[in-house]
Amino acid sequence: MVHLVPFLGMAGAAVASLSQLATNGHSTWGTLPSPNLPQFLTDGTSDLEPPWGNVDPAGPPPTTGVTRHYNFTITRGFKFPDGFNKSVILVNDQFPGPLIEANWGDIISVAVTNNIDSQDEGVTLHWHGLTQRNTPWNDGVPGVSQCPIAPRGASSFTYIFQADQYGTGWYHSHFSAQYDDGLYGPMVIHGPLQSEITYDHDLGPVMISDYYRIGYSELLELSFSDPPRTVRADDNLINGKGVYDCNATEVDDQCLAGAGRARFQFQSGKLHRLRLINTGSLANQKFSIDGHELTVIANDYVPLKPYTTRVVTLGPGQRTDIIVNATGSPTDVAWMRSDMDMACSENSTTTATHTALAAIYYESANTTLLPRTNGTTWESNNYRNDPLDLTVPYYPLIPPEPETTQTVTITVSYNATTFAMFMDGSSFQADYSEPALLSINEGNLSLPISRNIYNFGSNSTVRLILNNTDSTPHPMHLHGHNFWVLAEGIGAWNGSITNPENPLRRDTHILQPGTVDAPSYLVLQWTQDNPGVWPLHCHMALHARAGMVMLVLERPDDFAAEFLSVPLATAETCRDWDVFRREV
């Protein structure tokens, strides 16, 4: 039997909730009724047949002839996502931002205007996990693929790219550590389902994020201070909502009770698809639903052979699609929860806030009450993702012998004023005014060493062995590709590959903590079929800002043959940025 408790204040009286406008702007994430996304968008043409028809689900995307148009206006505003008043970044006055939705093969067009009223806050948006084949200028990385969009409405930029994969993704700022302040939102690309997969309701995105009372600029200042200070999360949110304990610290009138949890709805006896996204900055998350099993069907944009589990691990940037059978009764309520892996000191927070909670209401449940269900137990496993031998791609693909193999060692160094992270002894630094892709496209390959460029030329495949001597985990993300995850562990890699006939593929995978004496390793491989300059970096925002980035230069001789001319808008954005920088 499920026990329910009213939402009571410290003294036992009912707490008046803050309005949704006060906590999350015009966002409806985390409110009832839950979304129920379609299996594909119909556009009024047919509600029977999906637009991809008989296209090979493991092959290249179809050409649908459809363009999905979105307009984003980026601003700052004070909101109370968990009850604490903070300046957050809003997309169309929403925190988190609105859903981008398309069918596999559609073209997506997003016009972005930066209306942040700031001295120095440029904006770019990265479409995490989409490969940007033939559109590398739209990858959204300042200093790599473009210049920032200048603030105060001084500049706009329209990203145009194909929805070339299907499943669950997200978009986020790639300017400094800016997405920590809320500049992110979900993407859903509808596509084919595995033959045995069925579900009744698609409840859409479940965005999980560690959250900080201070803004990203202050986070960076503390991290790079003398001496550097460990940054700890103040809260953990689901779909931008949480409940901060206003009595835990001296926060004066900056904290108000009654922010409220995110809420979802189940229908008893039905199957529900949930799209989990770790949109956070630092924390590894352990996701579960009290009293329910989770059937995993995809990691990032890669369908998997379904398997069941009680807990899913998600590092920053990672996504996992699950199906949940609603086995409760019509009046039940249960907690959805995501626990930070507390063993990592950088992710530590108070015991009151390390678990993000959201309430799941069955169809006849009293939605004014909260559950008292018990959570699933789990043990920290040195931050590994779910086992490689368990996470098997549904559509098999055998990695060939690599044409080139590169080993890169990750180190961290502290000096009198700051700390930095190094890839083979070089700490990455970008020049926002001189994007590397534009320079290389013009024939300039003599860029500074601090750009960390690895020119793999025309090699058809690359195998990368990452050795980590740092005591923290690193969710490693490669732009422009899904990579094979061949092996992971502690010590020296012995050359063995997990599931060599069909290893896991995804775009982000956790590299475990290590030491100088016992480094961890992660072995990745990808096919060089996408000419461009592609960042490979730790997706912990502070680590990337500290220099844990390398740029993969892929088939530079094919730039002129395969690329269209640099769009005029890209060059104009750089001119606008330069004008803005001269004026401040």
Protein backbone atom coordinates (compact mmCIF):
# COMPACT_ATOMS: atom_id res chain seq x y z
CA MET A 1 0.00 0.00 0.00
CA VAL A 2 1.33 3.46 -0.94
CA HIS A 3 1.33 6.04 1.87
CA LEU A 4 0.57 9.65 1.04
CA VAL A 5 1.42 12.82 2.93
CA PRO A 6 0.15 16.31 2.33
CA PHE A 7 2.60 18.97 1.20
CA LEU A 8 3.22 20.60 4.59
CA GLY A 9 5.47 23.36 5.79
CA MET A 10 7.88 23.15 8.70
CA ALA A 11 5.07 23.87 11.15
CA GLY A 12 2.66 21.42 9.51
CA ALA A 13 0.51 23.99 7.74
CA ALA A 14 -0.07 23.74 4.02
CA VAL A 15 2.40 25.81 2.01
CA ALA A 16 1.11 28.03 -0.76
CA SER A 17 3.03 27.15 -3.90
CA LEU A 18 4.95 29.71 -5.88
CA SER A 19 3.44 30.21 -9.31
CA GLN A 20 4.90 28.41 -12.32
CA LEU A 21 5.69 31.82 -13.79
CA ALA A 22 7.76 32.67 -10.71
CA THR A 23 9.68 29.40 -10.68
CA ASN A 24 10.11 28.54 -14.36
CA GLY A 25 8.69 31.34 -16.46
CA HIS A 26 6.41 30.24 -19.27
CA SER A 27 7.81 26.70 -19.21
CA THR A 28 5.32 23.91 -18.57
CA TRP A 29 7.96 21.26 -17.84
CA GLY A 30 7.15 19.31 -14.69
CA THR A 31 3.46 20.28 -14.63
CA LEU A 32 0.33 18.20 -15.16
CA PRO A 33 -0.96 16.97 -17.50
CA SER A 34 2.21 15.21 -18.65
CA PRO A 35 3.19 15.53 -22.30
CA ASN A 36 2.14 12.70 -24.58
CA LEU A 37 4.37 12.96 -27.61
CA PRO A 38 3.37 11.29 -30.89
CA GLN A 39 5.44 8.53 -32.48
CA PHE A 40 5.98 10.89 -35.42
CA LEU A 41 4.84 14.31 -36.62
CA THR A 42 2.13 14.16 -39.27
CA ASP A 43 2.02 17.72 -40.69
CA GLY A 44 -1.56 17.05 -41.67
CA THR A 45 -0.55 14.71 -44.50
CA SER A 46 -1.21 11.30 -42.99
CA ASP A 47 -1.65 9.91 -39.53
CA LEU A 48 -1.01 6.32 -40.57
CA GLU A 49 2.45 5.93 -42.10
CA PRO A 50 5.70 7.37 -40.68
CA PRO A 51 7.58 9.63 -43.09
CA TRP A 52 10.71 7.45 -43.12
CA GLY A 53 8.79 4.58 -44.70
CA ASN A 54 11.02 1.58 -45.47
CA VAL A 55 14.33 3.42 -45.05
CA ASP A 56 16.98 1.26 -43.36
CA PRO A 57 16.84 2.28 -39.66
CA ALA A 58 20.58 1.65 -39.37
CA GLY A 59 21.42 3.67 -42.48
CA PRO A 60 21.62 7.33 -43.46
CA PRO A 61 18.61 9.56 -42.85
CA PRO A 62 15.84 10.00 -45.42
CA THR A 63 15.16 13.28 -47.17
CA THR A 64 11.70 14.34 -46.03
CA GLY A 65 11.56 17.76 -47.68
CA VAL A 66 10.23 19.23 -44.41
CA THR A 67 11.83 22.11 -42.49
CA ARG A 68 10.93 22.72 -38.84
CA HIS A 69 11.24 26.40 -37.92
CA TYR A 70 11.93 27.69 -34.41
CA ASN A 71 12.63 31.18 -33.08
CA PHE A 72 14.58 31.53 -29.84
CA THR A 73 15.05 34.75 -27.89
CA ILE A 74 17.67 34.45 -25.14
CA THR A 75 17.30 36.64 -22.05
CA ARG A 76 18.15 36.73 -18.36
CA GLY A 77 15.58 36.90 -15.59
CA PHE A 78 15.21 36.18 -11.87
CA LYS A 79 13.32 32.97 -11.14
CA PHE A 80 12.79 30.58 -8.21
CA PRO A 81 13.28 27.10 -9.77
CA ASP A 82 13.71 25.50 -6.33
CA GLY A 83 12.56 28.41 -4.16
CA PHE A 84 15.88 30.27 -4.26
CA ASN A 85 15.90 33.49 -6.26
CA LYS A 86 18.55 33.40 -8.97
CA SER A 87 19.37 35.10 -12.25
CA VAL A 88 18.86 32.35 -14.83
CA ILE A 89 19.02 32.29 -18.61
CA LEU A 90 15.69 31.87 -20.38
CA VAL A 91 14.76 30.70 -23.86
CA ASN A 92 11.52 32.41 -24.88
CA ASP A 93 11.06 33.17 -21.18
CA GLN A 94 11.24 29.46 -20.31
CA PHE A 95 13.50 27.57 -17.87
CA PRO A 96 14.45 25.02 -19.13
CA GLY A 97 13.98 25.92 -22.77
CA PRO A 98 11.23 24.69 -25.13
CA LEU A 99 11.21 21.36 -26.93
CA ILE A 100 12.64 21.05 -30.43
CA GLU A 101 10.76 18.26 -32.18
CA ALA A 102 11.23 16.79 -35.66
CA ASN A 103 11.06 13.61 -37.69
CA TRP A 104 14.20 11.76 -38.71
CA GLY A 105 15.53 13.40 -41.88
CA ASP A 106 13.78 16.75 -41.39
CA ILE A 107 15.71 20.01 -41.62
CA ILE A 108 15.69 22.06 -38.41
CA SER A 109 16.03 25.84 -38.55
CA VAL A 110 16.50 27.76 -35.30
CA ALA A 111 16.77 31.57 -35.41
CA VAL A 112 18.56 32.73 -32.23
CA THR A 113 18.59 36.31 -30.95
CA ASN A 114 20.78 37.13 -27.96
CA ASN A 115 18.91 39.69 -25.87
CA ILE A 116 20.98 39.17 -22.72
CA ASP A 117 21.69 42.64 -21.34
CA SER A 118 25.30 42.03 -20.38
CA GLN A 119 28.77 43.36 -20.96
CA ASP A 120 30.25 40.09 -22.11
CA GLU A 121 27.69 37.29 -22.52
CA GLY A 122 27.79 35.97 -26.03
CA VAL A 123 25.72 32.92 -26.92
CA THR A 124 26.09 29.85 -29.08
CA LEU A 125 23.86 26.78 -29.16
CA HIS A 126 25.19 23.26 -29.67
CA TRP A 127 22.82 20.51 -30.88
CA HIS A 128 24.26 17.75 -28.77
CA GLY A 129 24.64 14.43 -30.59
CA LEU A 130 23.63 15.49 -34.11
CA THR A 131 26.55 15.03 -36.48
CA GLN A 132 26.19 18.24 -38.54
CA ARG A 133 27.26 16.35 -41.66
CA ASN A 134 27.85 18.97 -44.39
CA THR A 135 26.92 21.73 -41.90
CA PRO A 136 29.93 21.92 -39.51
CA TRP A 137 29.46 25.69 -39.26
CA ASN A 138 26.27 25.05 -37.28
CA ASP A 139 27.82 22.89 -34.53
CA GLY A 140 27.57 25.85 -32.16
CA VAL A 141 31.02 25.94 -30.52
CA PRO A 142 32.57 29.40 -30.10
CA GLY A 143 36.18 29.58 -31.22
CA VAL A 144 35.75 26.33 -33.16
CA SER A 145 32.81 26.53 -35.58
CA GLN A 146 31.65 30.13 -35.11
CA CYS A 147 31.99 33.39 -33.20
CA PRO A 148 29.52 34.05 -30.36
CA ILE A 149 26.22 35.75 -31.05
CA ALA A 150 26.69 39.21 -29.54
CA PRO A 151 24.39 40.28 -26.65
CA ARG A 152 21.88 43.10 -26.30
CA GLY A 153 20.20 42.14 -29.56
CA ALA A 154 23.31 43.21 -31.47
CA SER A 155 23.35 39.96 -33.43
CA SER A 156 21.18 37.04 -34.47
CA PHE A 157 22.12 33.76 -36.08
CA THR A 158 20.06 31.02 -37.71
CA TYR A 159 21.24 27.44 -37.30
CA ILE A 160 20.16 25.11 -40.13
CA PHE A 161 20.94 21.38 -39.96
CA GLN A 162 19.43 17.98 -40.59
CA ALA A 163 17.88 15.75 -37.93
CA ASP A 164 20.29 13.02 -39.05
CA GLN A 165 19.78 10.71 -36.06
CA TYR A 166 16.69 9.78 -34.07
CA GLY A 167 15.88 9.45 -30.41
CA THR A 168 16.54 11.80 -27.51
CA GLY A 169 18.92 14.74 -27.55
CA TRP A 170 19.25 18.23 -26.20
CA TYR A 171 20.63 21.65 -27.04
CA HIS A 172 22.75 23.83 -24.79
CA SER A 173 25.03 26.81 -24.74
CA HIS A 174 28.69 26.15 -25.49
CA PHE A 175 29.79 29.63 -24.38
CA SER A 176 32.04 29.29 -21.31
CA ALA A 177 30.10 27.38 -18.59
CA GLN A 178 26.91 29.24 -19.48
CA TYR A 179 24.51 26.33 -19.65
CA ASP A 180 24.93 25.99 -15.86
CA ASP A 181 22.61 29.00 -15.62
CA GLY A 182 19.85 27.30 -17.60
CA LEU A 183 20.55 27.81 -21.30
CA TYR A 184 19.46 24.35 -22.42
CA GLY A 185 16.42 22.43 -23.59
CA PRO A 186 15.34 19.03 -24.95
CA MET A 187 15.26 17.67 -28.51
CA VAL A 188 13.15 14.73 -29.68
CA ILE A 189 13.79 13.29 -33.14
CA HIS A 190 11.07 10.77 -33.97
CA GLY A 191 12.27 7.69 -35.84
CA PRO A 192 11.89 3.93 -36.29
CA LEU A 193 11.31 1.67 -33.30
CA GLN A 194 12.90 -1.71 -32.73
CA SER A 195 10.50 -4.44 -33.84
CA GLU A 196 9.65 -5.64 -30.30
CA ILE A 197 9.34 -2.18 -28.75
CA THR A 198 5.86 -0.87 -28.01
CA TYR A 199 4.56 1.73 -25.59
CA ASP A 200 1.29 3.53 -24.93
CA HIS A 201 2.47 6.98 -23.84
CA ASP A 202 5.59 9.04 -24.56
CA LEU A 203 5.94 11.34 -21.53
CA GLY A 204 8.82 13.17 -23.18
CA PRO A 205 11.99 14.54 -21.61
CA VAL A 206 13.12 14.10 -18.02
CA MET A 207 15.92 16.64 -17.60
CA ILE A 208 18.13 16.08 -14.53
CA SER A 209 20.60 18.71 -13.40
CA ASP A 210 22.75 19.59 -10.42
CA TYR A 211 22.01 23.20 -9.54
CA TYR A 212 23.91 26.09 -7.95
CA ARG A 213 22.76 29.19 -6.08
CA ILE A 214 25.55 31.22 -7.67
CA GLY A 215 25.93 31.92 -11.39
CA TYR A 216 28.44 30.27 -13.69
CA SER A 217 30.80 33.26 -13.67
CA GLU A 218 31.15 33.01 -9.89
CA LEU A 219 31.49 29.23 -10.15
CA LEU A 220 34.43 29.72 -12.48
CA GLU A 221 35.91 32.42 -10.25
CA LEU A 222 35.80 30.10 -7.23
CA SER A 223 37.18 27.15 -9.17
CA PHE A 224 40.09 29.18 -10.48
CA SER A 225 40.71 31.15 -7.28
CA ASP A 226 43.87 31.15 -5.15
CA PRO A 227 43.61 28.60 -3.67
CA PRO A 228 40.96 26.89 -5.85
CA ARG A 229 37.76 26.06 -4.00
CA THR A 230 35.75 22.90 -4.48
CA VAL A 231 32.38 23.64 -6.07
CA ARG A 232 29.43 21.77 -4.57
CA ALA A 233 25.89 21.65 -5.86
CA ASP A 234 23.16 23.28 -3.79
CA ASP A 235 20.33 21.26 -5.25
CA ASN A 236 19.32 18.65 -7.80
CA LEU A 237 16.47 19.38 -10.21
CA ILE A 238 14.12 17.40 -12.45
CA ASN A 239 12.70 19.37 -15.39
CA GLY A 240 13.94 22.57 -13.77
CA LYS A 241 12.08 22.08 -10.49
CA GLY A 242 13.16 21.28 -6.94
CA VAL A 243 12.62 22.25 -3.32
CA TYR A 244 15.43 24.10 -1.56
CA ASP A 245 15.46 24.06 2.25
CA CYS A 246 15.19 27.77 2.98
CA ASN A 247 16.09 27.11 6.62
CA ALA A 248 19.30 25.24 5.80
CA THR A 249 21.41 28.36 5.29
CA GLU A 250 21.18 32.08 5.85
CA VAL A 251 19.53 33.16 2.63
CA ASP A 252 17.35 35.99 3.96
CA ASP A 253 14.52 36.89 1.57
CA GLN A 254 16.24 35.24 -1.39
CA CYS A 255 14.44 31.96 -0.64
CA LEU A 256 10.70 31.30 -0.58
CA ALA A 257 8.97 28.06 0.39
CA GLY A 258 6.61 26.28 -1.97
CA ALA A 259 8.50 25.95 -5.25
CA GLY A 260 7.12 22.44 -5.76
CA ARG A 261 8.40 19.24 -7.40
CA ALA A 262 8.06 18.20 -11.00
CA ARG A 263 5.04 15.97 -11.61
CA PHE A 264 4.27 13.21 -14.11
CA GLN A 265 1.26 11.02 -14.77
CA PHE A 266 1.07 7.24 -15.24
CA GLN A 267 -1.90 5.18 -16.36
CA SER A 268 -2.12 1.82 -14.66
CA GLY A 269 -1.41 -1.16 -16.90
CA LYS A 270 0.14 1.03 -19.63
CA LEU A 271 3.71 1.32 -20.94
CA HIS A 272 5.37 4.75 -20.68
CA ARG A 273 8.43 6.03 -22.54
CA LEU A 274 10.65 8.44 -20.61
CA ARG A 275 13.56 10.30 -22.20
CA LEU A 276 16.23 10.81 -19.54
CA ILE A 277 18.77 13.63 -20.09
CA ASN A 278 21.56 14.67 -17.73
CA THR A 279 21.63 18.40 -18.41
CA GLY A 280 23.85 19.09 -15.40
CA SER A 281 27.31 20.50 -14.98
CA LEU A 282 29.23 18.09 -12.73
CA ALA A 283 27.13 15.37 -11.13
CA ASN A 284 26.88 11.74 -12.12
CA GLN A 285 23.25 10.77 -11.62
CA LYS A 286 21.61 7.48 -10.59
CA PHE A 287 18.01 7.49 -11.85
CA SER A 288 15.24 5.23 -10.57
CA ILE A 289 11.49 5.05 -9.98
CA ASP A 290 10.40 3.61 -6.66
CA GLY A 291 8.86 0.16 -7.07
CA HIS A 292 9.25 0.03 -10.86
CA GLU A 293 11.59 -1.68 -13.31
CA LEU A 294 13.16 0.29 -16.16
CA THR A 295 13.56 -1.21 -19.63
CA VAL A 296 16.42 0.54 -21.41
CA ILE A 297 15.98 0.90 -25.19
CA ALA A 298 18.56 3.53 -26.22
CA ASN A 299 21.70 5.34 -25.10
CA ASP A 300 22.19 8.78 -26.63
CA TYR A 301 20.95 8.45 -30.24
CA VAL A 302 21.75 4.70 -30.49
CA PRO A 303 19.00 2.05 -30.11
CA LEU A 304 19.92 -0.84 -27.80
CA LYS A 305 18.85 -4.41 -27.36
CA PRO A 306 16.35 -3.91 -24.52
CA TYR A 307 17.38 -4.88 -20.99
CA THR A 308 15.84 -4.28 -17.57
CA THR A 309 17.40 -2.57 -14.58
CA ARG A 310 16.37 -0.71 -11.44
CA VAL A 311 18.92 2.11 -11.76
CA VAL A 312 20.34 3.97 -14.77
CA THR A 313 23.64 5.88 -14.60
CA LEU A 314 23.87 9.18 -16.47
CA GLY A 315 26.93 11.40 -16.69
CA PRO A 316 26.56 15.03 -17.85
CA GLY A 317 25.51 15.13 -21.50
CA GLN A 318 24.24 11.54 -21.61
CA ARG A 319 20.72 10.41 -22.48
CA THR A 320 18.93 7.10 -21.92
CA ASP A 321 15.48 6.16 -23.19
CA ILE A 322 13.47 3.82 -20.97
CA ILE A 323 10.07 2.17 -20.99
CA VAL A 324 8.26 1.76 -17.67
CA ASN A 325 5.32 -0.54 -17.08
CA ALA A 326 2.85 1.17 -14.76
CA THR A 327 2.22 -1.80 -12.45
CA GLY A 328 0.60 0.23 -9.66
CA SER A 329 -3.07 0.74 -8.90
CA PRO A 330 -5.03 3.76 -10.25
CA THR A 331 -4.70 5.70 -6.96
CA ASP A 332 -0.96 5.14 -6.42
CA VAL A 333 1.73 7.78 -6.18
CA ALA A 334 5.46 7.06 -6.39
CA TRP A 335 8.69 9.02 -6.33
CA MET A 336 10.80 9.39 -9.40
CA ARG A 337 14.29 10.12 -8.11
CA SER A 338 17.80 10.85 -9.24
CA ASP A 339 20.66 10.58 -6.75
CA MET A 340 23.98 12.29 -7.19
CA ASP A 341 26.84 9.81 -6.83
CA MET A 342 28.10 11.33 -3.58
CA ALA A 343 31.48 9.57 -3.59
CA CYS A 344 32.81 12.28 -5.91
CA SER A 345 33.74 15.30 -3.80
CA GLU A 346 33.12 17.75 -6.63
CA ASN A 347 29.51 16.61 -6.83
CA SER A 348 28.93 16.64 -3.08
CA THR A 349 26.00 18.55 -1.67
CA THR A 350 24.05 18.39 1.54
CA THR A 351 22.18 15.19 2.31
CA ALA A 352 18.93 17.13 2.06
CA THR A 353 19.44 18.07 -1.57
CA HIS A 354 21.50 15.35 -3.24
CA THR A 355 18.36 13.52 -4.41
CA ALA A 356 16.13 15.08 -7.06
CA LEU A 357 12.53 14.05 -6.57
CA ALA A 358 9.50 14.21 -8.84
CA ALA A 359 6.04 12.83 -8.09
CA ILE A 360 4.39 10.27 -10.36
CA TYR A 361 0.59 10.21 -10.05
CA TYR A 362 -1.52 7.36 -11.36
CA GLU A 363 -4.74 8.35 -13.11
CA SER A 364 -7.01 8.44 -10.02
CA ALA A 365 -4.44 9.61 -7.46
CA ASN A 366 -4.92 12.71 -5.31
CA THR A 367 -2.51 15.18 -6.94
CA THR A 368 -2.41 17.44 -3.86
CA LEU A 369 -0.52 14.76 -1.91
CA LEU A 370 3.07 13.58 -2.12
CA PRO A 371 4.33 9.99 -1.94
CA ARG A 372 6.30 8.21 0.74
CA THR A 373 7.68 5.37 -1.33
CA ASN A 374 11.12 3.90 -0.68
CA GLY A 375 14.01 4.37 -3.05
CA THR A 376 16.10 1.70 -4.79
CA THR A 377 19.46 0.95 -3.20
CA TRP A 378 22.61 1.14 -5.31
CA GLU A 379 26.36 1.16 -4.80
CA SER A 380 28.87 3.53 -6.35
CA ASN A 381 30.83 1.67 -9.03
CA ASN A 382 33.66 4.16 -9.63
CA TYR A 383 31.31 6.14 -11.89
CA ARG A 384 31.10 3.56 -14.65
CA ASN A 385 28.16 3.61 -16.99
CA ASP A 386 26.03 0.50 -17.14
CA PRO A 387 28.26 -2.47 -18.12
CA LEU A 388 29.56 -2.58 -21.69
CA ASP A 389 28.54 -6.22 -22.07
CA LEU A 390 24.96 -5.26 -21.16
CA THR A 391 24.56 -2.18 -23.37
CA VAL A 392 24.56 -3.75 -26.84
CA PRO A 393 23.45 -1.78 -29.94
CA TYR A 394 20.32 -3.11 -31.57
CA TYR A 395 21.77 -2.70 -35.07
CA PRO A 396 25.19 -4.35 -35.09
CA LEU A 397 28.27 -2.66 -36.50
CA ILE A 398 31.73 -4.22 -36.35
CA PRO A 399 34.61 -1.77 -35.84
CA PRO A 400 37.39 -2.26 -38.41
CA GLU A 401 41.08 -2.29 -37.59
CA PRO A 402 42.04 1.36 -37.11
CA GLU A 403 44.30 3.15 -39.54
CA THR A 404 45.73 5.24 -36.74
CA THR A 405 45.88 4.93 -32.94
CA GLN A 406 46.43 7.87 -30.61
CA THR A 407 47.06 7.79 -26.85
CA VAL A 408 46.26 10.90 -24.79
CA THR A 409 46.96 11.26 -21.07
CA ILE A 410 44.84 13.57 -18.92
CA THR A 411 46.52 15.43 -16.08
CA VAL A 412 45.62 18.25 -13.75
CA SER A 413 47.98 20.88 -12.38
CA TYR A 414 47.63 23.48 -9.66
CA ASN A 415 49.71 26.61 -9.42
CA ALA A 416 49.67 29.72 -7.26
CA THR A 417 46.58 31.22 -8.85
CA THR A 418 44.47 28.57 -10.53
CA PHE A 419 44.22 25.01 -11.78
CA ALA A 420 44.19 23.70 -15.33
CA MET A 421 43.48 20.40 -17.04
CA PHE A 422 45.78 19.07 -19.74
CA MET A 423 45.47 16.74 -22.71
CA ASP A 424 48.97 15.34 -23.21
CA GLY A 425 50.48 18.36 -21.48
CA SER A 426 48.47 21.03 -23.33
CA SER A 427 45.55 22.94 -21.81
CA PHE A 428 43.00 24.03 -24.41
CA GLN A 429 42.32 27.71 -24.99
CA ALA A 430 39.87 29.03 -27.57
CA ASP A 431 39.90 32.35 -29.37
CA TYR A 432 36.26 33.27 -29.75
CA SER A 433 37.11 35.79 -32.47
CA GLU A 434 38.99 33.29 -34.66
CA PRO A 435 37.08 30.01 -35.03
CA ALA A 436 39.44 27.17 -35.87
CA LEU A 437 37.16 25.73 -38.56
CA LEU A 438 37.08 28.99 -40.46
CA SER A 439 40.86 29.41 -40.28
CA ILE A 440 41.53 25.84 -41.42
CA ASN A 441 38.99 26.10 -44.23
CA GLU A 442 41.01 29.07 -45.49
CA GLY A 443 44.13 26.88 -45.56
CA ASN A 444 45.68 28.01 -42.28
CA LEU A 445 46.82 24.88 -40.43
CA SER A 446 49.38 26.71 -38.29
CA LEU A 447 47.18 27.42 -35.32
CA PRO A 448 48.52 27.88 -31.76
CA ILE A 449 49.45 24.75 -29.80
CA SER A 450 46.81 25.70 -27.21
CA ARG A 451 44.10 24.82 -29.74
CA ASN A 452 44.99 21.14 -29.08
CA ILE A 453 44.45 20.16 -32.71
CA TYR A 454 44.97 16.51 -33.61
CA ASN A 455 45.19 16.23 -37.39
CA PHE A 456 44.17 12.69 -38.32
CA GLY A 457 44.27 13.59 -42.01
CA SER A 458 42.55 11.21 -44.41
CA ASN A 459 42.76 8.14 -42.15
CA SER A 460 39.50 6.23 -42.42
CA THR A 461 39.34 5.25 -38.74
CA VAL A 462 40.83 6.54 -35.49
CA ARG A 463 41.31 4.66 -32.24
CA LEU A 464 41.84 6.86 -29.18
CA ILE A 465 43.15 5.56 -25.85
CA LEU A 466 42.44 8.02 -23.04
CA ASN A 467 44.41 7.59 -19.81
CA ASN A 468 43.10 9.54 -16.81
CA THR A 469 45.44 10.37 -13.91
CA ASP A 470 42.87 12.70 -12.33
CA SER A 471 40.78 11.65 -9.32
CA THR A 472 37.48 12.72 -10.88
CA PRO A 473 35.38 11.11 -13.64
CA HIS A 474 35.06 12.69 -17.07
CA PRO A 475 32.04 12.15 -19.35
CA MET A 476 33.81 12.36 -22.71
CA HIS A 477 31.78 13.75 -25.61
CA LEU A 478 32.80 13.76 -29.28
CA HIS A 479 31.08 16.13 -31.68
CA GLY A 480 30.19 15.02 -35.20
CA HIS A 481 30.14 11.29 -34.45
CA ASN A 482 28.94 8.30 -32.52
CA PHE A 483 32.01 6.41 -31.33
CA TRP A 484 32.50 2.78 -30.44
CA VAL A 485 33.33 2.21 -26.77
CA LEU A 486 35.82 -0.65 -27.00
CA ALA A 487 37.07 -0.98 -23.44
CA GLU A 488 37.29 0.72 -20.05
CA GLY A 489 39.03 -0.02 -16.78
CA ILE A 490 41.90 0.76 -14.42
CA GLY A 491 45.59 0.27 -15.21
CA ALA A 492 47.00 -0.49 -18.65
CA TRP A 493 44.64 -1.58 -21.41
CA ASN A 494 45.48 -5.15 -22.43
CA GLY A 495 44.04 -4.84 -25.94
CA SER A 496 40.83 -6.77 -25.30
CA ILE A 497 37.55 -5.38 -26.65
CA THR A 498 34.19 -5.86 -24.95
CA ASN A 499 31.73 -7.45 -27.38
CA PRO A 500 34.09 -7.05 -30.38
CA GLU A 501 31.42 -8.00 -32.94
CA ASN A 502 29.10 -5.21 -31.81
CA PRO A 503 30.53 -2.85 -29.17
CA LEU A 504 28.51 -0.06 -27.60
CA ARG A 505 28.14 3.09 -29.69
CA ARG A 506 27.15 6.49 -28.34
CA ASP A 507 28.39 10.12 -28.31
CA THR A 508 29.21 10.50 -24.58
CA HIS A 509 30.78 7.98 -22.21
CA ILE A 510 32.20 8.25 -18.69
CA LEU A 511 35.96 7.95 -18.21
CA GLN A 512 36.49 6.69 -14.66
CA PRO A 513 38.66 8.41 -12.04
CA GLY A 514 42.30 7.39 -11.85
CA THR A 515 45.63 8.25 -10.27
CA VAL A 516 49.16 8.78 -11.52
CA ASP A 517 50.09 5.29 -10.32
CA ALA A 518 46.87 3.62 -11.48
CA PRO A 519 45.32 5.63 -14.30
CA SER A 520 41.95 4.68 -15.71
CA TYR A 521 41.51 4.08 -19.42
CA LEU A 522 38.76 4.48 -22.00
CA VAL A 523 39.23 3.20 -25.55
CA LEU A 524 37.14 4.89 -28.26
CA GLN A 525 37.04 4.47 -32.02
CA TRP A 526 35.22 6.27 -34.81
CA THR A 527 35.02 6.39 -38.58
CA GLN A 528 36.39 9.52 -40.25
CA ASP A 529 33.48 10.13 -42.59
CA ASN A 530 32.58 13.70 -41.61
CA PRO A 531 35.12 16.36 -42.65
CA GLY A 532 35.38 19.10 -40.05
CA VAL A 533 36.94 20.21 -36.77
CA TRP A 534 35.22 18.30 -33.97
CA PRO A 535 35.75 18.93 -30.24
CA LEU A 536 36.28 15.96 -27.97
CA HIS A 537 35.94 17.15 -24.40
CA CYS A 538 34.86 16.43 -20.88
CA HIS A 539 31.21 17.43 -20.57
CA MET A 540 31.65 18.69 -17.02
CA ALA A 541 31.38 22.38 -17.85
CA LEU A 542 34.09 23.48 -15.41
CA HIS A 543 36.53 20.84 -16.71
CA ALA A 544 36.05 21.88 -20.33
CA ARG A 545 36.55 25.51 -19.29
CA ALA A 546 39.73 24.44 -17.48
CA GLY A 547 41.20 23.09 -20.72
CA MET A 548 40.05 19.46 -21.07
CA VAL A 549 39.35 19.74 -24.78
CA MET A 550 41.04 18.46 -27.93
CA LEU A 551 40.05 19.30 -31.51
CA VAL A 552 39.84 16.43 -34.00
CA LEU A 553 40.78 17.71 -37.45
CA GLU A 554 39.14 15.32 -39.90
CA ARG A 555 39.98 15.04 -43.61
CA PRO A 556 41.12 18.65 -44.15
CA ASP A 557 41.98 17.88 -47.80
CA ASP A 558 38.29 17.22 -48.41
CA PHE A 559 37.07 20.55 -47.05
CA ALA A 560 36.91 22.28 -50.44
CA ALA A 561 35.46 19.22 -52.17
CA GLU A 562 32.71 18.45 -49.65
CA PHE A 563 31.85 21.74 -47.96
CA LEU A 564 29.63 24.43 -49.26
CA SER A 565 30.98 27.95 -48.95
CA VAL A 566 31.05 29.35 -45.44
CA PRO A 567 27.58 30.85 -44.95
CA LEU A 568 27.52 34.61 -45.05
CA ALA A 569 25.74 34.65 -41.69
CA THR A 570 28.72 32.93 -40.04
CA ALA A 571 31.09 35.65 -41.22
CA GLU A 572 28.61 38.36 -40.25
CA THR A 573 28.34 36.93 -36.73
CA CYS A 574 32.11 37.23 -36.38
CA ARG A 575 32.00 40.82 -37.58
CA ASP A 576 29.19 41.63 -35.12
CA TRP A 577 31.14 40.00 -32.29
CA ASP A 578 34.28 41.97 -33.12
CA VAL A 579 32.32 45.23 -33.23
CA PHE A 580 30.72 44.44 -29.90
CA ARG A 581 34.05 43.58 -28.27
CA ARG A 582 35.58 46.85 -29.43
CA GLU A 583 32.72 48.81 -27.91
CA VAL A 584 32.80 47.27 -24.41
